[in-house]
Each structure stands twice: as C-alpha cells, then as structure tokens.
Amino acid sequence: MKNKIVLIHKEAEEKRVMVEAKRGEELLKEVAAKYRASGLAPKKLLGCFGG
C-alpha cells in the first residue's frame, strides 16, 4: 500500500514538472514574439556582448 502511494506521488510530481516546463516554454515564446514584433533586442542579452 505504501509503495502505491509513493508511486502516485512520484507520477504527480512528474506531471507537475512537465506542466511547469511547458508553461515556461510558452512564456519564453511570448517574450520572444514581443521582441520580434517590436524589433528590439532584450537589454540583458546585449549586456553579454557589450562588455
């Protein structure tokens, strides 16, 4: 019985991680689309090359 509960919790955790990863990807796509639409590059990205 205990093993079954542990297995259920493990599966739930894996699903939660997948949902969070998907949400993060969607957010990244939205931000990228916004920058493409405005024609501007994010300042943090340019900071890496600016020195």
PDB file of N, CA and C in Angstrom:
ATOM      1  N   MET A   1       0.835  -1.202   0.000  1.00  0.00           N
ATOM      2  CA  MET A   1       0.000   0.000   0.000  1.00  0.00           C
ATOM      3  C   MET A   1       0.872   1.255   0.000  1.00  0.00           C
ATOM      4  N   LYS A   2       1.929   1.247   0.813  1.00  0.00           N
ATOM      5  CA  LYS A   2       2.811   2.414   0.890  1.00  0.00           C
ATOM      6  C   LYS A   2       3.492   2.671  -0.455  1.00  0.00           C
ATOM      7  N   ASN A   3       3.920   1.591  -1.111  1.00  0.00           N
ATOM      8  CA  ASN A   3       4.578   1.729  -2.407  1.00  0.00           C
ATOM      9  C   ASN A   3       3.649   2.366  -3.437  1.00  0.00           C
ATOM     10  N   LYS A   4       2.368   2.013  -3.375  1.00  0.00           N
ATOM     11  CA  LYS A   4       1.393   2.564  -4.314  1.00  0.00           C
ATOM     12  C   LYS A   4       1.252   4.072  -4.111  1.00  0.00           C
ATOM     13  N   ILE A   5       1.222   4.499  -2.852  1.00  0.00           N
ATOM     14  CA  ILE A   5       1.106   5.922  -2.539  1.00  0.00           C
ATOM     15  C   ILE A   5       2.358   6.662  -3.029  1.00  0.00           C
ATOM     16  N   VAL A   6       3.515   6.082  -2.796  1.00  0.00           N
ATOM     17  CA  VAL A   6       4.767   6.697  -3.245  1.00  0.00           C
ATOM     18  C   VAL A   6       4.770   6.822  -4.762  1.00  0.00           C
ATOM     19  N   LEU A   7       4.315   5.794  -5.452  1.00  0.00           N
ATOM     20  CA  LEU A   7       4.256   5.805  -6.915  1.00  0.00           C
ATOM     21  C   LEU A   7       3.315   6.898  -7.413  1.00  0.00           C
ATOM     22  N   ILE A   8       2.170   7.038  -6.779  1.00  0.00           N
ATOM     23  CA  ILE A   8       1.198   8.068  -7.170  1.00  0.00           C
ATOM     24  C   ILE A   8       1.802   9.457  -6.972  1.00  0.00           C
ATOM     25  N   HIS A   9       2.477   9.663  -5.852  1.00  0.00           N
ATOM     26  CA  HIS A   9       3.107  10.959  -5.592  1.00  0.00           C
ATOM     27  C   HIS A   9       4.198  11.251  -6.616  1.00  0.00           C
ATOM     28  N   LYS A  10       4.952  10.228  -6.970  1.00  0.00           N
ATOM     29  CA  LYS A  10       6.025  10.396  -7.947  1.00  0.00           C
ATOM     30  C   LYS A  10       5.449  10.784  -9.306  1.00  0.00           C
ATOM     31  N   GLU A  11       4.379  10.108  -9.733  1.00  0.00           N
ATOM     32  CA  GLU A  11       3.738  10.423 -11.014  1.00  0.00           C
ATOM     33  C   GLU A  11       3.172  11.836 -11.005  1.00  0.00           C
ATOM     34  N   ALA A  12       2.564  12.227  -9.890  1.00  0.00           N
ATOM     35  CA  ALA A  12       2.008  13.576  -9.783  1.00  0.00           C
ATOM     36  C   ALA A  12       3.111  14.621  -9.873  1.00  0.00           C
ATOM     37  N   GLU A  13       4.228  14.363  -9.240  1.00  0.00           N
ATOM     38  CA  GLU A  13       5.367  15.285  -9.275  1.00  0.00           C
ATOM     39  C   GLU A  13       5.905  15.421 -10.695  1.00  0.00           C
ATOM     40  N   GLU A  14       6.008  14.302 -11.398  1.00  0.00           N
ATOM     41  CA  GLU A  14       6.491  14.336 -12.777  1.00  0.00           C
ATOM     42  C   GLU A  14       5.549  15.139 -13.665  1.00  0.00           C
ATOM     43  N   LYS A  15       4.248  14.954 -13.491  1.00  0.00           N
ATOM     44  CA  LYS A  15       3.268  15.715 -14.285  1.00  0.00           C
ATOM     45  C   LYS A  15       3.367  17.199 -13.980  1.00  0.00           C
ATOM     46  N   ARG A  16       3.553  17.526 -12.690  1.00  0.00           N
ATOM     47  CA  ARG A  16       3.656  18.932 -12.290  1.00  0.00           C
ATOM     48  C   ARG A  16       4.887  19.574 -12.937  1.00  0.00           C
ATOM     49  N   VAL A  17       5.994  18.854 -12.951  1.00  0.00           N
ATOM     50  CA  VAL A  17       7.222  19.367 -13.554  1.00  0.00           C
ATOM     51  C   VAL A  17       7.018  19.590 -15.054  1.00  0.00           C
ATOM     52  N   MET A  18       6.340  18.661 -15.701  1.00  0.00           N
ATOM     53  CA  MET A  18       6.086  18.798 -17.138  1.00  0.00           C
ATOM     54  C   MET A  18       5.229  20.022 -17.428  1.00  0.00           C
ATOM     55  N   VAL A  19       4.196  20.242 -16.610  1.00  0.00           N
ATOM     56  CA  VAL A  19       3.310  21.396 -16.803  1.00  0.00           C
ATOM     57  C   VAL A  19       4.091  22.692 -16.610  1.00  0.00           C
ATOM     58  N   GLU A  20       4.940  22.731 -15.583  1.00  0.00           N
ATOM     59  CA  GLU A  20       5.745  23.930 -15.332  1.00  0.00           C
ATOM     60  C   GLU A  20       6.712  24.192 -16.483  1.00  0.00           C
ATOM     61  N   ALA A  21       7.316  23.157 -17.012  1.00  0.00           N
ATOM     62  CA  ALA A  21       8.249  23.310 -18.132  1.00  0.00           C
ATOM     63  C   ALA A  21       7.522  23.843 -19.361  1.00  0.00           C
ATOM     64  N   LYS A  22       6.342  23.312 -19.605  1.00  0.00           N
ATOM     65  CA  LYS A  22       5.551  23.756 -20.751  1.00  0.00           C
ATOM     66  C   LYS A  22       5.167  25.226 -20.606  1.00  0.00           C
ATOM     67  N   ARG A  23       4.771  25.597 -19.382  1.00  0.00           N
ATOM     68  CA  ARG A  23       4.386  26.986 -19.109  1.00  0.00           C
ATOM     69  C   ARG A  23       5.584  27.906 -19.340  1.00  0.00           C
ATOM     70  N   GLY A  24       6.757  27.476 -18.920  1.00  0.00           N
ATOM     71  CA  GLY A  24       7.970  28.271 -19.109  1.00  0.00           C
ATOM     72  C   GLY A  24       8.289  28.463 -20.580  1.00  0.00           C
ATOM     73  N   GLU A  25       8.135  27.403 -21.364  1.00  0.00           N
ATOM     74  CA  GLU A  25       8.385  27.491 -22.804  1.00  0.00           C
ATOM     75  C   GLU A  25       7.408  28.459 -23.461  1.00  0.00           C
ATOM     76  N   GLU A  26       6.141  28.391 -23.068  1.00  0.00           N
ATOM     77  CA  GLU A  26       5.136  29.277 -23.644  1.00  0.00           C
ATOM     78  C   GLU A  26       5.438  30.733 -23.307  1.00  0.00           C
ATOM     79  N   LEU A  27       5.869  30.979 -22.076  1.00  0.00           N
ATOM     80  CA  LEU A  27       6.218  32.328 -21.658  1.00  0.00           C
ATOM     81  C   LEU A  27       7.409  32.838 -22.468  1.00  0.00           C
ATOM     82  N   LEU A  28       8.398  31.976 -22.667  1.00  0.00           N
ATOM     83  CA  LEU A  28       9.562  32.354 -23.464  1.00  0.00           C
ATOM     84  C   LEU A  28       9.154  32.709 -24.895  1.00  0.00           C
ATOM     85  N   LYS A  29       8.251  31.917 -25.471  1.00  0.00           N
ATOM     86  CA  LYS A  29       7.785  32.175 -26.833  1.00  0.00           C
ATOM     87  C   LYS A  29       7.063  33.512 -26.909  1.00  0.00           C
ATOM     88  N   GLU A  30       6.257  33.832 -25.879  1.00  0.00           N
ATOM     89  CA  GLU A  30       5.544  35.113 -25.858  1.00  0.00           C
ATOM     90  C   GLU A  30       6.525  36.270 -25.806  1.00  0.00           C
ATOM     91  N   VAL A  31       7.528  36.151 -24.943  1.00  0.00           N
ATOM     92  CA  VAL A  31       8.528  37.218 -24.809  1.00  0.00           C
ATOM     93  C   VAL A  31       9.300  37.379 -26.115  1.00  0.00           C
ATOM     94  N   ALA A  32       9.693  36.268 -26.715  1.00  0.00           N
ATOM     95  CA  ALA A  32      10.439  36.313 -27.980  1.00  0.00           C
ATOM     96  C   ALA A  32       9.587  36.960 -29.065  1.00  0.00           C
ATOM     97  N   ALA A  33       8.310  36.613 -29.122  1.00  0.00           N
ATOM     98  CA  ALA A  33       7.415  37.192 -30.126  1.00  0.00           C
ATOM     99  C   ALA A  33       7.276  38.701 -29.914  1.00  0.00           C
ATOM    100  N   LYS A  34       7.217  39.122 -28.657  1.00  0.00           N
ATOM    101  CA  LYS A  34       7.096  40.546 -28.350  1.00  0.00           C
ATOM    102  C   LYS A  34       8.327  41.297 -28.837  1.00  0.00           C
ATOM    103  N   TYR A  35       9.513  40.738 -28.584  1.00  0.00           N
ATOM    104  CA  TYR A  35      10.738  41.403 -29.024  1.00  0.00           C
ATOM    105  C   TYR A  35      10.847  41.409 -30.546  1.00  0.00           C
ATOM    106  N   ARG A  36      10.428  40.320 -31.190  1.00  0.00           N
ATOM    107  CA  ARG A  36      10.462  40.283 -32.655  1.00  0.00           C
ATOM    108  C   ARG A  36       9.511  41.329 -33.231  1.00  0.00           C
ATOM    109  N   ALA A  37       8.345  41.464 -32.624  1.00  0.00           N
ATOM    110  CA  ALA A  37       7.354  42.407 -33.125  1.00  0.00           C
ATOM    111  C   ALA A  37       7.839  43.845 -32.958  1.00  0.00           C
ATOM    112  N   SER A  38       8.527  44.121 -31.856  1.00  0.00           N
ATOM    113  CA  SER A  38       8.986  45.486 -31.604  1.00  0.00           C
ATOM    114  C   SER A  38      10.303  45.782 -32.325  1.00  0.00           C
ATOM    115  N   GLY A  39      11.022  44.732 -32.719  1.00  0.00           N
ATOM    116  CA  GLY A  39      12.288  44.916 -33.416  1.00  0.00           C
ATOM    117  C   GLY A  39      13.441  45.245 -32.481  1.00  0.00           C
ATOM    118  N   LEU A  40      13.227  45.145 -31.188  1.00  0.00           N
ATOM    119  CA  LEU A  40      14.269  45.447 -30.214  1.00  0.00           C
ATOM    120  C   LEU A  40      14.813  44.154 -29.610  1.00  0.00           C
ATOM    121  N   ALA A  41      16.077  44.199 -29.239  1.00  0.00           N
ATOM    122  CA  ALA A  41      16.672  43.050 -28.557  1.00  0.00           C
ATOM    123  C   ALA A  41      16.638  43.300 -27.049  1.00  0.00           C
ATOM    124  N   PRO A  42      16.477  42.267 -26.260  1.00  0.00           N
ATOM    125  CA  PRO A  42      16.481  42.463 -24.807  1.00  0.00           C
ATOM    126  C   PRO A  42      17.818  43.018 -24.319  1.00  0.00           C
ATOM    127  N   LYS A  43      17.776  43.975 -23.409  1.00  0.00           N
ATOM    128  CA  LYS A  43      18.996  44.627 -22.914  1.00  0.00           C
ATOM    129  C   LYS A  43      19.908  43.641 -22.190  1.00  0.00           C
ATOM    130  N   LYS A  44      19.346  42.674 -21.497  1.00  0.00           N
ATOM    131  CA  LYS A  44      20.170  41.697 -20.768  1.00  0.00           C
ATOM    132  C   LYS A  44      21.025  40.898 -21.758  1.00  0.00           C
ATOM    133  N   LEU A  45      20.449  40.561 -22.893  1.00  0.00           N
ATOM    134  CA  LEU A  45      21.185  39.796 -23.900  1.00  0.00           C
ATOM    135  C   LEU A  45      22.325  40.626 -24.459  1.00  0.00           C
ATOM    136  N   LEU A  46      22.077  41.899 -24.725  1.00  0.00           N
ATOM    137  CA  LEU A  46      23.107  42.766 -25.283  1.00  0.00           C
ATOM    138  C   LEU A  46      24.214  43.026 -24.270  1.00  0.00           C
ATOM    139  N   GLY A  47      23.876  42.970 -22.987  1.00  0.00           N
ATOM    140  CA  GLY A  47      24.877  43.180 -21.932  1.00  0.00           C
ATOM    141  C   GLY A  47      25.993  42.160 -22.006  1.00  0.00           C
ATOM    142  N   CYS A  48      25.710  40.970 -22.485  1.00  0.00           N
ATOM    143  CA  CYS A  48      26.716  39.928 -22.591  1.00  0.00           C
ATOM    144  C   CYS A  48      27.774  40.300 -23.626  1.00  0.00           C
ATOM    145  N   PHE A  49      27.375  41.015 -24.685  1.00  0.00           N
ATOM    146  CA  PHE A  49      28.289  41.332 -25.765  1.00  0.00           C
ATOM    147  C   PHE A  49      28.901  42.718 -25.623  1.00  0.00           C
ATOM    148  N   GLY A  50      28.258  43.568 -24.842  1.00  0.00           N
ATOM    149  CA  GLY A  50      28.704  44.954 -24.708  1.00  0.00           C
ATOM    150  C   GLY A  50      29.970  45.121 -23.901  1.00  0.00           C
ATOM    151  N   GLY A  51      30.266  44.191 -23.025  1.00  0.00           N
ATOM    152  CA  GLY A  51      31.488  44.246 -22.254  1.00  0.00           C
ATOM    153  C   GLY A  51      31.267  45.008 -21.041  1.00  0.00           C
TER     154      GLY A  51
END
